[in-house]
Amino acid sequence: MAAIMKISPQGQIRIPKHIMQSLGILQGDFVEICIENDQIILKPRKLIDPSQGWYWTKEWQKVESDVDNEIKDGQLSPKFQTAEEGTKWLKK
């Protein structure tokens, strides 16, 4: 997939929508710019460690918010001295 783009007076280019969609990048995302063999290479980059990406999903952030609210409302278990005590409390 290729496209020809004009460089603006500020040195900017516009990445066509179909290319952004095919790469899964959105407005505001970051790209890394490299020079390889006299060519400019743009690589999409996320500023979080990919192994930690799950934490930033909407689903996980909702769970985090729910837990924060439970803690704020005092919905906590008592402290346990052993795993057996904890297991017994959970089974109630």
PDB file of N, CA and C in Angstrom:
ATOM      1  N   MET A   1       0.853  -1.161   0.000  1.00  0.00           N
ATOM      2  CA  MET A   1       0.000   0.000   0.000  1.00  0.00           C
ATOM      3  C   MET A   1       0.904   1.230   0.000  1.00  0.00           C
ATOM      4  N   ALA A   2       0.620   2.165  -0.865  1.00  0.00           N
ATOM      5  CA  ALA A   2       1.460   3.353  -0.977  1.00  0.00           C
ATOM      6  C   ALA A   2       0.587   4.587  -1.129  1.00  0.00           C
ATOM      7  N   ALA A   3       1.171   5.727  -0.852  1.00  0.00           N
ATOM      8  CA  ALA A   3       0.483   7.009  -1.026  1.00  0.00           C
ATOM      9  C   ALA A   3       1.542   8.081  -1.229  1.00  0.00           C
ATOM     10  N   ILE A   4       1.188   9.096  -1.978  1.00  0.00           N
ATOM     11  CA  ILE A   4       2.074  10.237  -2.174  1.00  0.00           C
ATOM     12  C   ILE A   4       1.507  11.388  -1.363  1.00  0.00           C
ATOM     13  N   MET A   5       2.360  11.991  -0.542  1.00  0.00           N
ATOM     14  CA  MET A   5       1.928  13.087   0.321  1.00  0.00           C
ATOM     15  C   MET A   5       2.850  14.273   0.117  1.00  0.00           C
ATOM     16  N   LYS A   6       2.298  15.466   0.298  1.00  0.00           N
ATOM     17  CA  LYS A   6       3.068  16.697   0.166  1.00  0.00           C
ATOM     18  C   LYS A   6       3.505  17.153   1.554  1.00  0.00           C
ATOM     19  N   ILE A   7       4.734  17.591   1.686  1.00  0.00           N
ATOM     20  CA  ILE A   7       5.244  18.098   2.947  1.00  0.00           C
ATOM     21  C   ILE A   7       4.801  19.551   3.089  1.00  0.00           C
ATOM     22  N   SER A   8       4.193  19.867   4.240  1.00  0.00           N
ATOM     23  CA  SER A   8       3.701  21.227   4.479  1.00  0.00           C
ATOM     24  C   SER A   8       4.873  22.172   4.752  1.00  0.00           C
ATOM     25  N   PRO A   9       4.619  23.486   4.731  1.00  0.00           N
ATOM     26  CA  PRO A   9       5.685  24.445   5.054  1.00  0.00           C
ATOM     27  C   PRO A   9       6.272  24.222   6.457  1.00  0.00           C
ATOM     28  N   GLN A  10       5.497  23.602   7.367  1.00  0.00           N
ATOM     29  CA  GLN A  10       5.999  23.308   8.713  1.00  0.00           C
ATOM     30  C   GLN A  10       6.725  21.962   8.784  1.00  0.00           C
ATOM     31  N   GLY A  11       6.891  21.294   7.648  1.00  0.00           N
ATOM     32  CA  GLY A  11       7.582  20.005   7.615  1.00  0.00           C
ATOM     33  C   GLY A  11       6.694  18.840   7.994  1.00  0.00           C
ATOM     34  N   GLN A  12       5.372  19.020   7.935  1.00  0.00           N
ATOM     35  CA  GLN A  12       4.436  17.975   8.336  1.00  0.00           C
ATOM     36  C   GLN A  12       3.886  17.239   7.125  1.00  0.00           C
ATOM     37  N   ILE A  13       3.489  15.986   7.362  1.00  0.00           N
ATOM     38  CA  ILE A  13       2.781  15.216   6.342  1.00  0.00           C
ATOM     39  C   ILE A  13       1.484  14.705   6.953  1.00  0.00           C
ATOM     40  N   ARG A  14       0.529  14.408   6.109  1.00  0.00           N
ATOM     41  CA  ARG A  14      -0.744  13.849   6.552  1.00  0.00           C
ATOM     42  C   ARG A  14      -0.760  12.381   6.145  1.00  0.00           C
ATOM     43  N   ILE A  15      -0.960  11.498   7.123  1.00  0.00           N
ATOM     44  CA  ILE A  15      -1.035  10.068   6.817  1.00  0.00           C
ATOM     45  C   ILE A  15      -2.469   9.776   6.395  1.00  0.00           C
ATOM     46  N   PRO A  16      -2.671   9.247   5.198  1.00  0.00           N
ATOM     47  CA  PRO A  16      -4.028   8.964   4.729  1.00  0.00           C
ATOM     48  C   PRO A  16      -4.786   8.019   5.676  1.00  0.00           C
ATOM     49  N   LYS A  17      -6.090   8.248   5.765  1.00  0.00           N
ATOM     50  CA  LYS A  17      -6.951   7.498   6.673  1.00  0.00           C
ATOM     51  C   LYS A  17      -6.846   5.989   6.452  1.00  0.00           C
ATOM     52  N   HIS A  18      -6.831   5.553   5.177  1.00  0.00           N
ATOM     53  CA  HIS A  18      -6.798   4.110   4.916  1.00  0.00           C
ATOM     54  C   HIS A  18      -5.500   3.471   5.420  1.00  0.00           C
ATOM     55  N   ILE A  19      -4.408   4.220   5.410  1.00  0.00           N
ATOM     56  CA  ILE A  19      -3.147   3.686   5.929  1.00  0.00           C
ATOM     57  C   ILE A  19      -3.201   3.628   7.454  1.00  0.00           C
ATOM     58  N   MET A  20      -3.740   4.687   8.074  1.00  0.00           N
ATOM     59  CA  MET A  20      -3.866   4.676   9.539  1.00  0.00           C
ATOM     60  C   MET A  20      -4.739   3.510   9.992  1.00  0.00           C
ATOM     61  N   GLN A  21      -5.852   3.304   9.300  1.00  0.00           N
ATOM     62  CA  GLN A  21      -6.754   2.209   9.666  1.00  0.00           C
ATOM     63  C   GLN A  21      -6.075   0.856   9.507  1.00  0.00           C
ATOM     64  N   SER A  22      -5.332   0.679   8.435  1.00  0.00           N
ATOM     65  CA  SER A  22      -4.686  -0.626   8.215  1.00  0.00           C
ATOM     66  C   SER A  22      -3.616  -0.910   9.260  1.00  0.00           C
ATOM     67  N   LEU A  23      -3.030   0.158   9.845  1.00  0.00           N
ATOM     68  CA  LEU A  23      -2.007  -0.020  10.876  1.00  0.00           C
ATOM     69  C   LEU A  23      -2.572   0.050  12.290  1.00  0.00           C
ATOM     70  N   GLY A  24      -3.848   0.402  12.404  1.00  0.00           N
ATOM     71  CA  GLY A  24      -4.469   0.496  13.725  1.00  0.00           C
ATOM     72  C   GLY A  24      -3.987   1.685  14.534  1.00  0.00           C
ATOM     73  N   ILE A  25      -3.601   2.767  13.844  1.00  0.00           N
ATOM     74  CA  ILE A  25      -3.177   3.963  14.566  1.00  0.00           C
ATOM     75  C   ILE A  25      -4.265   5.028  14.493  1.00  0.00           C
ATOM     76  N   LEU A  26      -4.314   5.853  15.530  1.00  0.00           N
ATOM     77  CA  LEU A  26      -5.340   6.873  15.658  1.00  0.00           C
ATOM     78  C   LEU A  26      -4.705   8.249  15.792  1.00  0.00           C
ATOM     79  N   GLN A  27      -5.513   9.284  15.591  1.00  0.00           N
ATOM     80  CA  GLN A  27      -5.046  10.642  15.807  1.00  0.00           C
ATOM     81  C   GLN A  27      -4.515  10.752  17.227  1.00  0.00           C
ATOM     82  N   GLY A  28      -3.350  11.336  17.387  1.00  0.00           N
ATOM     83  CA  GLY A  28      -2.742  11.478  18.710  1.00  0.00           C
ATOM     84  C   GLY A  28      -1.769  10.365  19.062  1.00  0.00           C
ATOM     85  N   ASP A  29      -1.775   9.262  18.303  1.00  0.00           N
ATOM     86  CA  ASP A  29      -0.810   8.190  18.537  1.00  0.00           C
ATOM     87  C   ASP A  29       0.589   8.669  18.146  1.00  0.00           C
ATOM     88  N   PHE A  30       1.582   7.929  18.566  1.00  0.00           N
ATOM     89  CA  PHE A  30       2.964   8.259  18.260  1.00  0.00           C
ATOM     90  C   PHE A  30       3.511   7.362  17.159  1.00  0.00           C
ATOM     91  N   VAL A  31       4.442   7.903  16.383  1.00  0.00           N
ATOM     92  CA  VAL A  31       5.179   7.113  15.398  1.00  0.00           C
ATOM     93  C   VAL A  31       6.666   7.377  15.602  1.00  0.00           C
ATOM     94  N   GLU A  32       7.447   6.361  15.372  1.00  0.00           N
ATOM     95  CA  GLU A  32       8.900   6.484  15.403  1.00  0.00           C
ATOM     96  C   GLU A  32       9.363   6.722  13.973  1.00  0.00           C
ATOM     97  N   ILE A  33      10.299   7.634  13.791  1.00  0.00           N
ATOM     98  CA  ILE A  33      10.824   7.935  12.460  1.00  0.00           C
ATOM     99  C   ILE A  33      12.262   7.437  12.395  1.00  0.00           C
ATOM    100  N   CYS A  34      12.551   6.585  11.425  1.00  0.00           N
ATOM    101  CA  CYS A  34      13.887   6.027  11.232  1.00  0.00           C
ATOM    102  C   CYS A  34      14.339   6.289   9.800  1.00  0.00           C
ATOM    103  N   ILE A  35      15.623   6.315   9.617  1.00  0.00           N
ATOM    104  CA  ILE A  35      16.190   6.372   8.269  1.00  0.00           C
ATOM    105  C   ILE A  35      16.912   5.056   8.044  1.00  0.00           C
ATOM    106  N   GLU A  36      16.518   4.341   6.999  1.00  0.00           N
ATOM    107  CA  GLU A  36      17.142   3.063   6.647  1.00  0.00           C
ATOM    108  C   GLU A  36      17.363   3.043   5.146  1.00  0.00           C
ATOM    109  N   ASN A  37      18.580   2.839   4.733  1.00  0.00           N
ATOM    110  CA  ASN A  37      18.925   2.766   3.309  1.00  0.00           C
ATOM    111  C   ASN A  37      18.372   3.969   2.539  1.00  0.00           C
ATOM    112  N   ASP A  38      18.602   5.172   3.069  1.00  0.00           N
ATOM    113  CA  ASP A  38      18.156   6.428   2.448  1.00  0.00           C
ATOM    114  C   ASP A  38      16.635   6.516   2.292  1.00  0.00           C
ATOM    115  N   GLN A  39      15.905   5.816   3.153  1.00  0.00           N
ATOM    116  CA  GLN A  39      14.444   5.890   3.144  1.00  0.00           C
ATOM    117  C   GLN A  39      13.966   6.283   4.541  1.00  0.00           C
ATOM    118  N   ILE A  40      12.849   6.994   4.577  1.00  0.00           N
ATOM    119  CA  ILE A  40      12.227   7.346   5.852  1.00  0.00           C
ATOM    120  C   ILE A  40      11.232   6.241   6.193  1.00  0.00           C
ATOM    121  N   ILE A  41      11.350   5.686   7.375  1.00  0.00           N
ATOM    122  CA  ILE A  41      10.460   4.631   7.840  1.00  0.00           C
ATOM    123  C   ILE A  41       9.683   5.167   9.040  1.00  0.00           C
ATOM    124  N   LEU A  42       8.352   5.094   8.991  1.00  0.00           N
ATOM    125  CA  LEU A  42       7.500   5.467  10.120  1.00  0.00           C
ATOM    126  C   LEU A  42       6.979   4.179  10.747  1.00  0.00           C
ATOM    127  N   LYS A  43       7.171   4.055  12.066  1.00  0.00           N
ATOM    128  CA  LYS A  43       6.711   2.860  12.779  1.00  0.00           C
ATOM    129  C   LYS A  43       5.768   3.283  13.898  1.00  0.00           C
ATOM    130  N   PRO A  44       4.539   2.724  13.928  1.00  0.00           N
ATOM    131  CA  PRO A  44       3.627   3.037  15.034  1.00  0.00           C
ATOM    132  C   PRO A  44       4.252   2.624  16.365  1.00  0.00           C
ATOM    133  N   ARG A  45       4.102   3.464  17.381  1.00  0.00           N
ATOM    134  CA  ARG A  45       4.659   3.159  18.699  1.00  0.00           C
ATOM    135  C   ARG A  45       3.649   3.482  19.781  1.00  0.00           C
ATOM    136  N   LYS A  46       3.529   2.593  20.735  1.00  0.00           N
ATOM    137  CA  LYS A  46       2.742   2.829  21.934  1.00  0.00           C
ATOM    138  C   LYS A  46       3.731   3.146  23.047  1.00  0.00           C
ATOM    139  N   LEU A  47       3.394   4.071  23.910  1.00  0.00           N
ATOM    140  CA  LEU A  47       4.332   4.479  24.944  1.00  0.00           C
ATOM    141  C   LEU A  47       4.185   3.687  26.234  1.00  0.00           C
ATOM    142  N   ILE A  48       3.557   2.526  26.154  1.00  0.00           N
ATOM    143  CA  ILE A  48       3.487   1.630  27.296  1.00  0.00           C
ATOM    144  C   ILE A  48       4.125   0.308  26.897  1.00  0.00           C
ATOM    145  N   ASP A  49       4.647  -0.387  27.871  1.00  0.00           N
ATOM    146  CA  ASP A  49       5.236  -1.693  27.627  1.00  0.00           C
ATOM    147  C   ASP A  49       4.127  -2.618  27.111  1.00  0.00           C
ATOM    148  N   PRO A  50       4.310  -3.234  25.937  1.00  0.00           N
ATOM    149  CA  PRO A  50       3.260  -4.093  25.383  1.00  0.00           C
ATOM    150  C   PRO A  50       2.788  -5.189  26.340  1.00  0.00           C
ATOM    151  N   SER A  51       3.679  -5.653  27.211  1.00  0.00           N
ATOM    152  CA  SER A  51       3.268  -6.695  28.150  1.00  0.00           C
ATOM    153  C   SER A  51       2.318  -6.153  29.217  1.00  0.00           C
ATOM    154  N   GLN A  52       2.221  -4.833  29.316  1.00  0.00           N
ATOM    155  CA  GLN A  52       1.332  -4.210  30.297  1.00  0.00           C
ATOM    156  C   GLN A  52       0.087  -3.598  29.657  1.00  0.00           C
ATOM    157  N   GLY A  53      -0.096  -3.814  28.367  1.00  0.00           N
ATOM    158  CA  GLY A  53      -1.216  -3.228  27.647  1.00  0.00           C
ATOM    159  C   GLY A  53      -2.571  -3.613  28.193  1.00  0.00           C
ATOM    160  N   TRP A  54      -2.689  -4.828  28.715  1.00  0.00           N
ATOM    161  CA  TRP A  54      -3.971  -5.287  29.267  1.00  0.00           C
ATOM    162  C   TRP A  54      -4.462  -4.348  30.358  1.00  0.00           C
ATOM    163  N   TYR A  55      -3.553  -3.766  31.123  1.00  0.00           N
ATOM    164  CA  TYR A  55      -3.942  -2.923  32.249  1.00  0.00           C
ATOM    165  C   TYR A  55      -4.693  -1.679  31.783  1.00  0.00           C
ATOM    166  N   TRP A  56      -4.382  -1.219  30.584  1.00  0.00           N
ATOM    167  CA  TRP A  56      -4.954   0.034  30.087  1.00  0.00           C
ATOM    168  C   TRP A  56      -6.178  -0.168  29.215  1.00  0.00           C
ATOM    169  N   THR A  57      -6.692  -1.393  29.122  1.00  0.00           N
ATOM    170  CA  THR A  57      -7.918  -1.616  28.356  1.00  0.00           C
ATOM    171  C   THR A  57      -9.094  -1.014  29.114  1.00  0.00           C
ATOM    172  N   LYS A  58     -10.136  -0.656  28.386  1.00  0.00           N
ATOM    173  CA  LYS A  58     -11.328  -0.085  29.021  1.00  0.00           C
ATOM    174  C   LYS A  58     -11.924  -1.051  30.039  1.00  0.00           C
ATOM    175  N   GLU A  59     -11.925  -2.336  29.698  1.00  0.00           N
ATOM    176  CA  GLU A  59     -12.500  -3.339  30.588  1.00  0.00           C
ATOM    177  C   GLU A  59     -11.759  -3.391  31.924  1.00  0.00           C
ATOM    178  N   TRP A  60     -10.422  -3.423  31.854  1.00  0.00           N
ATOM    179  CA  TRP A  60      -9.650  -3.524  33.086  1.00  0.00           C
ATOM    180  C   TRP A  60      -9.761  -2.240  33.899  1.00  0.00           C
ATOM    181  N   GLN A  61      -9.755  -1.094  33.241  1.00  0.00           N
ATOM    182  CA  GLN A  61      -9.884   0.170  33.961  1.00  0.00           C
ATOM    183  C   GLN A  61     -11.235   0.283  34.655  1.00  0.00           C
ATOM    184  N   LYS A  62     -12.281  -0.301  34.065  1.00  0.00           N
ATOM    185  CA  LYS A  62     -13.609  -0.329  34.705  1.00  0.00           C
ATOM    186  C   LYS A  62     -13.537  -1.149  35.988  1.00  0.00           C
ATOM    187  N   VAL A  63     -12.892  -2.310  35.929  1.00  0.00           N
ATOM    188  CA  VAL A  63     -12.742  -3.156  37.116  1.00  0.00           C
ATOM    189  C   VAL A  63     -11.947  -2.406  38.187  1.00  0.00           C
ATOM    190  N   GLU A  64     -10.867  -1.732  37.791  1.00  0.00           N
ATOM    191  CA  GLU A  64     -10.064  -0.954  38.742  1.00  0.00           C
ATOM    192  C   GLU A  64     -10.915   0.116  39.421  1.00  0.00           C
ATOM    193  N   SER A  65     -11.734   0.802  38.645  1.00  0.00           N
ATOM    194  CA  SER A  65     -12.611   1.841  39.185  1.00  0.00           C
ATOM    195  C   SER A  65     -13.623   1.250  40.163  1.00  0.00           C
ATOM    196  N   ASP A  66     -14.198   0.099  39.785  1.00  0.00           N
ATOM    197  CA  ASP A  66     -15.160  -0.569  40.667  1.00  0.00           C
ATOM    198  C   ASP A  66     -14.504  -0.947  42.003  1.00  0.00           C
ATOM    199  N   VAL A  67     -13.307  -1.479  41.946  1.00  0.00           N
ATOM    200  CA  VAL A  67     -12.591  -1.879  43.160  1.00  0.00           C
ATOM    201  C   VAL A  67     -12.267  -0.651  44.015  1.00  0.00           C
ATOM    202  N   ASP A  68     -11.830   0.428  43.374  1.00  0.00           N
ATOM    203  CA  ASP A  68     -11.554   1.659  44.128  1.00  0.00           C
ATOM    204  C   ASP A  68     -12.800   2.124  44.872  1.00  0.00           C
ATOM    205  N   ASN A  69     -13.952   2.032  44.222  1.00  0.00           N
ATOM    206  CA  ASN A  69     -15.210   2.428  44.872  1.00  0.00           C
ATOM    207  C   ASN A  69     -15.561   1.495  46.029  1.00  0.00           C
ATOM    208  N   GLU A  70     -15.320   0.195  45.864  1.00  0.00           N
ATOM    209  CA  GLU A  70     -15.576  -0.758  46.955  1.00  0.00           C
ATOM    210  C   GLU A  70     -14.690  -0.446  48.158  1.00  0.00           C
ATOM    211  N   ILE A  71     -13.433  -0.136  47.904  1.00  0.00           N
ATOM    212  CA  ILE A  71     -12.514   0.205  48.996  1.00  0.00           C
ATOM    213  C   ILE A  71     -12.986   1.481  49.691  1.00  0.00           C
ATOM    214  N   LYS A  72     -13.361   2.482  48.901  1.00  0.00           N
ATOM    215  CA  LYS A  72     -13.842   3.747  49.446  1.00  0.00           C
ATOM    216  C   LYS A  72     -15.082   3.536  50.320  1.00  0.00           C
ATOM    217  N   ASP A  73     -15.930   2.583  49.922  1.00  0.00           N
ATOM    218  CA  ASP A  73     -17.165   2.293  50.659  1.00  0.00           C
ATOM    219  C   ASP A  73     -16.943   1.324  51.822  1.00  0.00           C
ATOM    220  N   GLY A  74     -15.684   0.930  52.052  1.00  0.00           N
ATOM    221  CA  GLY A  74     -15.378   0.046  53.179  1.00  0.00           C
ATOM    222  C   GLY A  74     -15.744  -1.405  52.961  1.00  0.00           C
ATOM    223  N   GLN A  75     -15.900  -1.820  51.739  1.00  0.00           N
ATOM    224  CA  GLN A  75     -16.268  -3.201  51.429  1.00  0.00           C
ATOM    225  C   GLN A  75     -15.016  -4.083  51.351  1.00  0.00           C
ATOM    226  N   LEU A  76     -14.340  -4.233  52.482  1.00  0.00           N
ATOM    227  CA  LEU A  76     -13.093  -4.994  52.530  1.00  0.00           C
ATOM    228  C   LEU A  76     -13.258  -6.241  53.389  1.00  0.00           C
ATOM    229  N   SER A  77     -12.462  -7.236  53.102  1.00  0.00           N
ATOM    230  CA  SER A  77     -12.453  -8.428  53.946  1.00  0.00           C
ATOM    231  C   SER A  77     -11.609  -8.139  55.187  1.00  0.00           C
ATOM    232  N   PRO A  78     -11.780  -8.944  56.230  1.00  0.00           N
ATOM    233  CA  PRO A  78     -10.872  -8.801  57.374  1.00  0.00           C
ATOM    234  C   PRO A  78      -9.479  -9.319  56.990  1.00  0.00           C
ATOM    235  N   LYS A  79      -8.487  -9.053  57.842  1.00  0.00           N
ATOM    236  CA  LYS A  79      -7.139  -9.588  57.600  1.00  0.00           C
ATOM    237  C   LYS A  79      -7.090 -11.034  58.085  1.00  0.00           C
ATOM    238  N   PHE A  80      -6.353 -11.865  57.350  1.00  0.00           N
ATOM    239  CA  PHE A  80      -6.249 -13.277  57.688  1.00  0.00           C
ATOM    240  C   PHE A  80      -4.806 -13.618  58.035  1.00  0.00           C
ATOM    241  N   GLN A  81      -4.636 -14.522  58.977  1.00  0.00           N
ATOM    242  CA  GLN A  81      -3.302 -14.973  59.367  1.00  0.00           C
ATOM    243  C   GLN A  81      -2.818 -16.119  58.484  1.00  0.00           C
ATOM    244  N   THR A  82      -3.769 -16.884  57.912  1.00  0.00           N
ATOM    245  CA  THR A  82      -3.391 -18.024  57.071  1.00  0.00           C
ATOM    246  C   THR A  82      -4.283 -18.045  55.824  1.00  0.00           C
ATOM    247  N   ALA A  83      -3.824 -18.761  54.842  1.00  0.00           N
ATOM    248  CA  ALA A  83      -4.618 -18.935  53.626  1.00  0.00           C
ATOM    249  C   ALA A  83      -5.898 -19.709  53.938  1.00  0.00           C
ATOM    250  N   GLU A  84      -5.813 -20.632  54.882  1.00  0.00           N
ATOM    251  CA  GLU A  84      -6.987 -21.423  55.262  1.00  0.00           C
ATOM    252  C   GLU A  84      -8.094 -20.516  55.819  1.00  0.00           C
ATOM    253  N   GLU A  85      -7.695 -19.543  56.656  1.00  0.00           N
ATOM    254  CA  GLU A  85      -8.682 -18.593  57.197  1.00  0.00           C
ATOM    255  C   GLU A  85      -9.370 -17.830  56.056  1.00  0.00           C
ATOM    256  N   GLY A  86      -8.563 -17.397  55.107  1.00  0.00           N
ATOM    257  CA  GLY A  86      -9.111 -16.668  53.963  1.00  0.00           C
ATOM    258  C   GLY A  86     -10.049 -17.515  53.150  1.00  0.00           C
ATOM    259  N   THR A  87      -9.674 -18.743  52.908  1.00  0.00           N
ATOM    260  CA  THR A  87     -10.501 -19.670  52.143  1.00  0.00           C
ATOM    261  C   THR A  87     -11.810 -19.935  52.865  1.00  0.00           C
ATOM    262  N   LYS A  88     -11.750 -20.127  54.169  1.00  0.00           N
ATOM    263  CA  LYS A  88     -12.948 -20.362  54.961  1.00  0.00           C
ATOM    264  C   LYS A  88     -13.900 -19.155  54.880  1.00  0.00           C
ATOM    265  N   TRP A  89     -13.336 -17.933  54.969  1.00  0.00           N
ATOM    266  CA  TRP A  89     -14.157 -16.719  54.876  1.00  0.00           C
ATOM    267  C   TRP A  89     -14.801 -16.593  53.503  1.00  0.00           C
ATOM    268  N   LEU A  90     -14.058 -16.929  52.458  1.00  0.00           N
ATOM    269  CA  LEU A  90     -14.604 -16.833  51.089  1.00  0.00           C
ATOM    270  C   LEU A  90     -15.748 -17.816  50.866  1.00  0.00           C
ATOM    271  N   LYS A  91     -15.685 -18.981  51.510  1.00  0.00           N
ATOM    272  CA  LYS A  91     -16.716 -20.003  51.299  1.00  0.00           C
ATOM    273  C   LYS A  91     -18.024 -19.681  52.032  1.00  0.00           C
ATOM    274  N   LYS A  92     -17.997 -18.699  52.949  1.00  0.00           N
ATOM    275  CA  LYS A  92     -19.237 -18.328  53.665  1.00  0.00           C
ATOM    276  C   LYS A  92     -20.242 -17.711  52.752  1.00  0.00           C
TER     277      LYS A  92
END
